[in-house]
Every structure is written in structure tokens, then in C-alpha cells.
Amino acid sequence: MLMNILQQDIEFNKFLLDFIALLNFECKNGAVVLVEGKKDTQALSSLGFVGKTIEYCNNNTMSKIERKTRSYNKLIVLFDYDAEGRRLTSKILLTLDRTSIIELKYRRNLSFASNGGIKRIEELSKLSPYVILTENFI
């Protein structure tokens, strides 16, 4: 039983390494990641994310978000997997101009890979030491 839990953690850590690598790749190719706040940006950075984020709750209105995201070809929405995150995601989908692609799969994939255990993006920061250890052993 214990080995199974450890194996699942290693698998999830591998997923996170790939997840961050994909986000970095997307950002190098013209995407930006939209998160709810500063702690979300810090959590992603603690896992090795080096791309650009825009923080929704950092005194941004929808029109400011629209202006800030206009120059990117893809908007990766990484809001929390809770009622507020769903509300904000719907607001983004309904409000933003459709000139850029709005990508939701990363948010869904993270929730699925964690079996619903990761609800808030900022929770990823507590996994950072384990992900780095996993990276050193694979």
C-alpha cells in the first residue's frame, strides 16, 4: 500500500515536471498564463515556470485583462478548480475578444492528474521540493 502511494506521488511529480515544461514551451511560442493572484504565480515559479503570467485579481478589470492579453496568440487560463475559479473562467470566456485562443485543458489536466486533490494553483508551491527531488532521480 505504501509503495503504491509513493509511486502515485512520483507519477504526479513527473506529470508536474511535464506540465511546467509544456507551459514554458507555450509561453516561448506566444502564450501567456492567466492566474488568479500573486501566490499562483509564485507557486508556478517554484516549480520552474519561467513564462509570463497575468494576475486577474491584481487590480485588473476585464478591459485591462483584455488589453494585456491582446498581444498574445494564446491565453492559458489556470484559475482555481473551485466555484470562484469556474465563475471567473466563465466570465473570461464570455467577455474576452476571440482573437486569441483561450486554452482550458491545462486546468482540467491538473485537476485530473491530482485526482481532484489540487483545487487551488497556489497549493502547488508545497510540492516544489518533491518535484525537484523527482527531477533529480528520473
N, C-alpha and C. Protein backbone atom coordinates (compact mmCIF):
# COMPACT_ATOMS: atom_id res chain seq x y z
N MET A 1 0.83 -1.20 0.00
CA MET A 1 0.00 0.00 0.00
C MET A 1 0.87 1.26 0.00
N LEU A 2 1.86 1.32 0.89
CA LEU A 2 2.73 2.48 0.97
C LEU A 2 3.46 2.70 -0.37
N MET A 3 3.95 1.62 -0.96
CA MET A 3 4.67 1.75 -2.23
C MET A 3 3.75 2.31 -3.31
N ASN A 4 2.50 1.87 -3.28
CA ASN A 4 1.54 2.37 -4.26
C ASN A 4 1.36 3.89 -4.12
N ILE A 5 1.26 4.37 -2.88
CA ILE A 5 1.11 5.81 -2.64
C ILE A 5 2.36 6.56 -3.11
N LEU A 6 3.54 6.01 -2.77
CA LEU A 6 4.79 6.64 -3.21
C LEU A 6 4.88 6.67 -4.72
N GLN A 7 4.49 5.58 -5.36
CA GLN A 7 4.52 5.51 -6.82
C GLN A 7 3.59 6.55 -7.43
N GLN A 8 2.40 6.70 -6.84
CA GLN A 8 1.47 7.71 -7.34
C GLN A 8 2.06 9.10 -7.20
N ASP A 9 2.74 9.36 -6.07
CA ASP A 9 3.36 10.68 -5.88
C ASP A 9 4.44 10.92 -6.93
N ILE A 10 5.24 9.90 -7.20
CA ILE A 10 6.30 10.03 -8.20
C ILE A 10 5.67 10.29 -9.58
N GLU A 11 4.60 9.56 -9.88
CA GLU A 11 3.92 9.77 -11.16
C GLU A 11 3.35 11.19 -11.26
N PHE A 12 2.77 11.68 -10.17
CA PHE A 12 2.21 13.03 -10.19
C PHE A 12 3.33 14.06 -10.31
N ASN A 13 4.45 13.83 -9.63
CA ASN A 13 5.59 14.74 -9.74
C ASN A 13 6.13 14.77 -11.17
N LYS A 14 6.17 13.61 -11.82
CA LYS A 14 6.58 13.56 -13.23
C LYS A 14 5.60 14.35 -14.09
N PHE A 15 4.30 14.17 -13.78
CA PHE A 15 3.28 14.93 -14.51
C PHE A 15 3.55 16.43 -14.35
N LEU A 16 3.83 16.87 -13.11
CA LEU A 16 4.07 18.30 -12.87
C LEU A 16 5.28 18.81 -13.63
N LEU A 17 6.34 18.01 -13.69
CA LEU A 17 7.52 18.41 -14.46
C LEU A 17 7.15 18.63 -15.93
N ASP A 18 6.39 17.70 -16.49
CA ASP A 18 5.95 17.82 -17.89
C ASP A 18 4.99 19.00 -18.06
N PHE A 19 4.10 19.17 -17.09
CA PHE A 19 3.12 20.26 -17.09
C PHE A 19 3.82 21.61 -17.18
N ILE A 20 4.83 21.81 -16.32
CA ILE A 20 5.57 23.07 -16.31
C ILE A 20 6.38 23.24 -17.60
N ALA A 21 6.97 22.15 -18.07
CA ALA A 21 7.73 22.21 -19.33
C ALA A 21 6.81 22.62 -20.48
N LEU A 22 5.60 22.09 -20.51
CA LEU A 22 4.64 22.46 -21.56
C LEU A 22 4.22 23.92 -21.45
N LEU A 23 3.98 24.38 -20.22
CA LEU A 23 3.62 25.79 -20.04
C LEU A 23 4.76 26.69 -20.51
N ASN A 24 6.00 26.34 -20.15
CA ASN A 24 7.15 27.12 -20.60
C ASN A 24 7.24 27.13 -22.12
N PHE A 25 7.02 25.98 -22.73
CA PHE A 25 7.05 25.87 -24.20
C PHE A 25 5.97 26.76 -24.83
N GLU A 26 4.77 26.70 -24.26
CA GLU A 26 3.66 27.52 -24.78
C GLU A 26 4.02 29.01 -24.71
N CYS A 27 4.60 29.41 -23.57
CA CYS A 27 4.94 30.83 -23.40
C CYS A 27 6.05 31.27 -24.34
N LYS A 28 6.99 30.39 -24.63
CA LYS A 28 8.04 30.72 -25.60
C LYS A 28 7.46 30.89 -27.00
N ASN A 29 6.28 30.32 -27.21
CA ASN A 29 5.64 30.37 -28.52
C ASN A 29 4.42 31.29 -28.54
N GLY A 30 4.43 32.31 -27.68
CA GLY A 30 3.43 33.36 -27.79
C GLY A 30 2.23 33.27 -26.87
N ALA A 31 2.26 32.38 -25.89
CA ALA A 31 1.13 32.27 -24.95
C ALA A 31 1.43 33.04 -23.66
N VAL A 32 0.38 33.31 -22.91
CA VAL A 32 0.50 33.89 -21.58
C VAL A 32 -0.43 33.09 -20.67
N VAL A 33 -0.05 32.97 -19.40
CA VAL A 33 -0.85 32.22 -18.43
C VAL A 33 -1.61 33.21 -17.56
N LEU A 34 -2.91 33.04 -17.48
CA LEU A 34 -3.76 33.88 -16.65
C LEU A 34 -4.07 33.13 -15.36
N VAL A 35 -3.64 33.70 -14.23
CA VAL A 35 -3.88 33.10 -12.91
C VAL A 35 -4.69 34.08 -12.08
N GLU A 36 -5.17 33.59 -10.93
CA GLU A 36 -6.00 34.47 -10.09
C GLU A 36 -5.17 35.50 -9.35
N GLY A 37 -4.01 35.11 -8.80
CA GLY A 37 -3.26 36.06 -8.00
C GLY A 37 -1.78 35.76 -7.90
N LYS A 38 -1.10 36.59 -7.11
CA LYS A 38 0.35 36.55 -6.94
C LYS A 38 0.85 35.20 -6.40
N LYS A 39 0.11 34.60 -5.47
CA LYS A 39 0.52 33.30 -4.91
C LYS A 39 0.51 32.21 -5.97
N ASP A 40 -0.39 32.32 -6.94
CA ASP A 40 -0.42 31.35 -8.03
C ASP A 40 0.82 31.49 -8.90
N THR A 41 1.20 32.73 -9.21
CA THR A 41 2.42 32.97 -9.99
C THR A 41 3.63 32.43 -9.25
N GLN A 42 3.70 32.68 -7.94
CA GLN A 42 4.82 32.19 -7.13
C GLN A 42 4.88 30.67 -7.10
N ALA A 43 3.72 30.03 -7.00
CA ALA A 43 3.67 28.57 -6.98
C ALA A 43 4.19 27.98 -8.28
N LEU A 44 3.77 28.54 -9.40
CA LEU A 44 4.24 28.07 -10.70
C LEU A 44 5.75 28.28 -10.83
N SER A 45 6.22 29.44 -10.40
CA SER A 45 7.66 29.74 -10.45
C SER A 45 8.46 28.77 -9.60
N SER A 46 7.92 28.38 -8.46
CA SER A 46 8.64 27.46 -7.56
C SER A 46 8.84 26.09 -8.19
N LEU A 47 8.05 25.79 -9.21
CA LEU A 47 8.18 24.51 -9.92
C LEU A 47 9.01 24.64 -11.20
N GLY A 48 9.50 25.85 -11.47
CA GLY A 48 10.35 26.03 -12.65
C GLY A 48 9.70 26.76 -13.81
N PHE A 49 8.52 27.30 -13.60
CA PHE A 49 7.86 28.06 -14.66
C PHE A 49 8.56 29.40 -14.84
N VAL A 50 8.92 29.72 -16.07
CA VAL A 50 9.63 30.97 -16.35
C VAL A 50 8.89 31.87 -17.33
N GLY A 51 7.69 31.44 -17.72
CA GLY A 51 6.90 32.22 -18.67
C GLY A 51 6.21 33.40 -18.01
N LYS A 52 5.42 34.09 -18.80
CA LYS A 52 4.70 35.29 -18.35
C LYS A 52 3.34 34.90 -17.80
N THR A 53 2.99 35.50 -16.64
CA THR A 53 1.64 35.36 -16.11
C THR A 53 1.00 36.74 -16.02
N ILE A 54 -0.30 36.74 -16.07
CA ILE A 54 -1.10 37.92 -15.78
C ILE A 54 -2.00 37.52 -14.62
N GLU A 55 -2.01 38.34 -13.59
CA GLU A 55 -2.79 38.04 -12.39
C GLU A 55 -4.11 38.77 -12.45
N TYR A 56 -5.18 38.00 -12.50
CA TYR A 56 -6.53 38.56 -12.63
C TYR A 56 -6.89 39.46 -11.46
N CYS A 57 -6.60 39.01 -10.25
CA CYS A 57 -7.05 39.72 -9.05
C CYS A 57 -6.09 40.83 -8.60
N ASN A 58 -5.14 41.18 -9.42
CA ASN A 58 -4.17 42.21 -9.07
C ASN A 58 -4.62 43.56 -9.65
N ASN A 59 -5.75 44.06 -9.14
CA ASN A 59 -6.32 45.34 -9.60
C ASN A 59 -6.61 45.37 -11.10
N ASN A 60 -6.97 44.23 -11.64
CA ASN A 60 -7.27 44.18 -13.06
C ASN A 60 -8.77 44.11 -13.29
N THR A 61 -9.25 44.91 -14.22
CA THR A 61 -10.63 44.81 -14.66
C THR A 61 -10.63 43.96 -15.92
N MET A 62 -11.80 43.58 -16.38
CA MET A 62 -11.87 42.79 -17.60
C MET A 62 -11.28 43.52 -18.79
N SER A 63 -11.51 44.84 -18.87
CA SER A 63 -10.94 45.58 -20.00
C SER A 63 -9.42 45.63 -19.92
N LYS A 64 -8.86 45.71 -18.69
CA LYS A 64 -7.39 45.67 -18.54
C LYS A 64 -6.85 44.30 -18.94
N ILE A 65 -7.55 43.25 -18.53
CA ILE A 65 -7.13 41.89 -18.90
C ILE A 65 -7.15 41.75 -20.42
N GLU A 66 -8.20 42.25 -21.03
CA GLU A 66 -8.32 42.16 -22.48
C GLU A 66 -7.16 42.90 -23.17
N ARG A 67 -6.83 44.09 -22.68
CA ARG A 67 -5.71 44.85 -23.24
C ARG A 67 -4.39 44.11 -23.06
N LYS A 68 -4.17 43.58 -21.84
CA LYS A 68 -2.90 42.91 -21.54
C LYS A 68 -2.72 41.61 -22.32
N THR A 69 -3.81 40.94 -22.66
CA THR A 69 -3.70 39.64 -23.34
C THR A 69 -3.77 39.76 -24.86
N ARG A 70 -4.10 40.93 -25.37
CA ARG A 70 -4.31 41.12 -26.81
C ARG A 70 -3.09 40.74 -27.65
N SER A 71 -1.89 40.98 -27.15
CA SER A 71 -0.69 40.74 -27.95
C SER A 71 -0.22 39.27 -27.93
N TYR A 72 -0.92 38.43 -27.19
CA TYR A 72 -0.55 37.01 -27.11
C TYR A 72 -1.48 36.20 -28.00
N ASN A 73 -0.95 35.14 -28.62
CA ASN A 73 -1.79 34.35 -29.50
C ASN A 73 -2.58 33.27 -28.77
N LYS A 74 -2.22 33.04 -27.49
CA LYS A 74 -2.95 32.04 -26.71
C LYS A 74 -3.01 32.50 -25.26
N LEU A 75 -4.16 32.33 -24.66
CA LEU A 75 -4.37 32.65 -23.25
C LEU A 75 -4.66 31.34 -22.52
N ILE A 76 -3.73 30.93 -21.65
CA ILE A 76 -3.90 29.71 -20.87
C ILE A 76 -4.50 30.09 -19.53
N VAL A 77 -5.75 29.70 -19.32
CA VAL A 77 -6.45 30.05 -18.09
C VAL A 77 -6.16 28.98 -17.04
N LEU A 78 -5.53 29.41 -15.94
CA LEU A 78 -5.19 28.49 -14.84
C LEU A 78 -5.80 29.00 -13.54
N PHE A 79 -7.11 29.16 -13.57
CA PHE A 79 -7.80 29.57 -12.35
C PHE A 79 -8.03 28.34 -11.47
N ASP A 80 -8.30 28.59 -10.20
CA ASP A 80 -8.54 27.51 -9.25
C ASP A 80 -9.72 26.66 -9.70
N TYR A 81 -9.70 25.40 -9.25
CA TYR A 81 -10.77 24.46 -9.58
C TYR A 81 -11.80 24.48 -8.46
N ASP A 82 -12.42 25.63 -8.26
CA ASP A 82 -13.46 25.80 -7.25
C ASP A 82 -14.55 26.68 -7.85
N ALA A 83 -15.55 27.01 -7.04
CA ALA A 83 -16.68 27.79 -7.56
C ALA A 83 -16.23 29.14 -8.12
N GLU A 84 -15.35 29.83 -7.40
CA GLU A 84 -14.87 31.14 -7.85
C GLU A 84 -14.06 31.01 -9.14
N GLY A 85 -13.22 29.99 -9.22
CA GLY A 85 -12.44 29.75 -10.43
C GLY A 85 -13.31 29.47 -11.63
N ARG A 86 -14.37 28.68 -11.41
CA ARG A 86 -15.31 28.40 -12.51
C ARG A 86 -16.04 29.67 -12.93
N ARG A 87 -16.43 30.49 -11.96
CA ARG A 87 -17.12 31.75 -12.26
C ARG A 87 -16.23 32.67 -13.10
N LEU A 88 -14.97 32.80 -12.67
CA LEU A 88 -14.03 33.67 -13.39
C LEU A 88 -13.73 33.13 -14.79
N THR A 89 -13.62 31.82 -14.90
CA THR A 89 -13.36 31.21 -16.21
C THR A 89 -14.52 31.50 -17.16
N SER A 90 -15.74 31.36 -16.68
CA SER A 90 -16.91 31.67 -17.50
C SER A 90 -16.91 33.13 -17.92
N LYS A 91 -16.55 33.99 -16.99
CA LYS A 91 -16.50 35.43 -17.27
C LYS A 91 -15.48 35.72 -18.38
N ILE A 92 -14.33 35.09 -18.28
CA ILE A 92 -13.28 35.26 -19.31
C ILE A 92 -13.81 34.79 -20.67
N LEU A 93 -14.41 33.61 -20.70
CA LEU A 93 -14.90 33.05 -21.96
C LEU A 93 -15.99 33.93 -22.58
N LEU A 94 -16.82 34.51 -21.76
CA LEU A 94 -17.92 35.33 -22.26
C LEU A 94 -17.48 36.74 -22.66
N THR A 95 -16.41 37.23 -22.04
CA THR A 95 -16.05 38.64 -22.19
C THR A 95 -14.93 38.89 -23.19
N LEU A 96 -13.89 38.06 -23.17
CA LEU A 96 -12.71 38.37 -23.98
C LEU A 96 -12.96 38.21 -25.47
N ASP A 97 -12.31 39.04 -26.20
CA ASP A 97 -12.33 39.01 -27.65
C ASP A 97 -11.77 37.67 -28.12
N ARG A 98 -12.34 37.11 -29.13
CA ARG A 98 -11.93 35.78 -29.60
C ARG A 98 -10.74 35.81 -30.57
N THR A 99 -9.97 36.88 -30.55
CA THR A 99 -8.83 36.93 -31.47
C THR A 99 -7.70 36.01 -31.01
N SER A 100 -7.65 35.70 -29.72
CA SER A 100 -6.64 34.75 -29.26
C SER A 100 -7.33 33.47 -28.79
N ILE A 101 -6.59 32.40 -28.82
CA ILE A 101 -7.11 31.10 -28.36
C ILE A 101 -7.16 31.13 -26.83
N ILE A 102 -8.27 30.67 -26.28
CA ILE A 102 -8.38 30.54 -24.83
C ILE A 102 -8.30 29.06 -24.51
N GLU A 103 -7.25 28.70 -23.77
CA GLU A 103 -6.93 27.29 -23.50
C GLU A 103 -7.29 26.93 -22.06
N LEU A 104 -8.14 25.90 -21.92
CA LEU A 104 -8.56 25.45 -20.59
C LEU A 104 -8.03 24.06 -20.24
N LYS A 105 -7.40 23.37 -21.18
CA LYS A 105 -7.02 21.98 -20.94
C LYS A 105 -5.99 21.82 -19.81
N TYR A 106 -5.13 22.79 -19.62
CA TYR A 106 -4.12 22.66 -18.57
C TYR A 106 -4.77 22.61 -17.19
N ARG A 107 -5.76 23.43 -17.01
CA ARG A 107 -6.50 23.47 -15.75
C ARG A 107 -7.19 22.12 -15.50
N ARG A 108 -7.85 21.59 -16.52
CA ARG A 108 -8.53 20.29 -16.41
C ARG A 108 -7.53 19.17 -16.16
N ASN A 109 -6.42 19.18 -16.90
CA ASN A 109 -5.42 18.13 -16.77
C ASN A 109 -4.81 18.09 -15.37
N LEU A 110 -4.59 19.26 -14.80
CA LEU A 110 -4.03 19.34 -13.44
C LEU A 110 -4.99 18.74 -12.43
N SER A 111 -6.26 19.07 -12.54
CA SER A 111 -7.26 18.52 -11.63
C SER A 111 -7.37 17.01 -11.79
N PHE A 112 -7.38 16.55 -13.03
CA PHE A 112 -7.50 15.12 -13.31
C PHE A 112 -6.28 14.35 -12.78
N ALA A 113 -5.08 14.86 -13.06
CA ALA A 113 -3.85 14.16 -12.64
C ALA A 113 -3.71 14.08 -11.13
N SER A 114 -4.28 15.06 -10.43
CA SER A 114 -4.19 15.05 -8.96
C SER A 114 -5.40 14.37 -8.32
N ASN A 115 -6.24 13.74 -9.16
CA ASN A 115 -7.48 13.12 -8.67
C ASN A 115 -8.33 14.11 -7.88
N GLY A 116 -8.35 15.34 -8.32
CA GLY A 116 -9.12 16.38 -7.65
C GLY A 116 -8.46 16.91 -6.39
N GLY A 117 -7.24 16.46 -6.09
CA GLY A 117 -6.55 16.86 -4.87
C GLY A 117 -6.02 18.28 -4.91
N ILE A 118 -5.70 18.76 -6.10
CA ILE A 118 -5.22 20.13 -6.25
C ILE A 118 -6.40 20.97 -6.73
N LYS A 119 -6.92 21.78 -5.85
CA LYS A 119 -8.05 22.65 -6.20
C LYS A 119 -7.58 24.08 -6.47
N ARG A 120 -6.50 24.47 -5.79
CA ARG A 120 -6.00 25.84 -5.91
C ARG A 120 -4.57 25.80 -6.44
N ILE A 121 -4.29 26.65 -7.40
CA ILE A 121 -2.97 26.68 -8.05
C ILE A 121 -1.87 26.95 -7.01
N GLU A 122 -2.14 27.81 -6.04
CA GLU A 122 -1.11 28.14 -5.04
C GLU A 122 -0.68 26.92 -4.23
N GLU A 123 -1.50 25.86 -4.17
CA GLU A 123 -1.14 24.64 -3.44
C GLU A 123 0.06 23.94 -4.06
N LEU A 124 0.34 24.24 -5.31
CA LEU A 124 1.47 23.60 -6.00
C LEU A 124 2.81 23.96 -5.35
N SER A 125 2.89 25.11 -4.69
CA SER A 125 4.16 25.54 -4.10
C SER A 125 4.65 24.57 -3.03
N LYS A 126 3.73 23.92 -2.31
CA LYS A 126 4.16 22.99 -1.27
C LYS A 126 4.72 21.69 -1.85
N LEU A 127 4.52 21.47 -3.15
CA LEU A 127 5.05 20.27 -3.81
C LEU A 127 6.43 20.48 -4.41
N SER A 128 6.87 21.72 -4.46
CA SER A 128 8.12 22.06 -5.12
C SER A 128 9.31 21.20 -4.70
N PRO A 129 9.58 21.02 -3.39
CA PRO A 129 10.76 20.22 -3.02
C PRO A 129 10.68 18.78 -3.53
N TYR A 130 9.48 18.21 -3.58
CA TYR A 130 9.31 16.83 -4.02
C TYR A 130 9.48 16.71 -5.53
N VAL A 131 9.00 17.71 -6.24
CA VAL A 131 9.14 17.70 -7.69
C VAL A 131 10.61 17.81 -8.06
N ILE A 132 11.34 18.68 -7.35
CA ILE A 132 12.77 18.83 -7.64
C ILE A 132 13.53 17.54 -7.33
N LEU A 133 13.17 16.88 -6.23
CA LEU A 133 13.78 15.58 -5.91
C LEU A 133 13.48 14.56 -7.00
N THR A 134 12.24 14.49 -7.46
CA THR A 134 11.85 13.57 -8.51
C THR A 134 12.65 13.84 -9.77
N GLU A 135 12.81 15.12 -10.10
CA GLU A 135 13.55 15.51 -11.30
C GLU A 135 15.00 15.01 -11.24
N ASN A 136 15.57 15.03 -10.05
CA ASN A 136 16.96 14.60 -9.88
C ASN A 136 17.13 13.08 -10.00
N PHE A 137 16.02 12.34 -9.87
CA PHE A 137 16.12 10.88 -9.89
C PHE A 137 15.54 10.23 -11.14
N ILE A 138 15.03 11.03 -12.08
CA ILE A 138 14.50 10.43 -13.30
C ILE A 138 15.39 10.74 -14.47
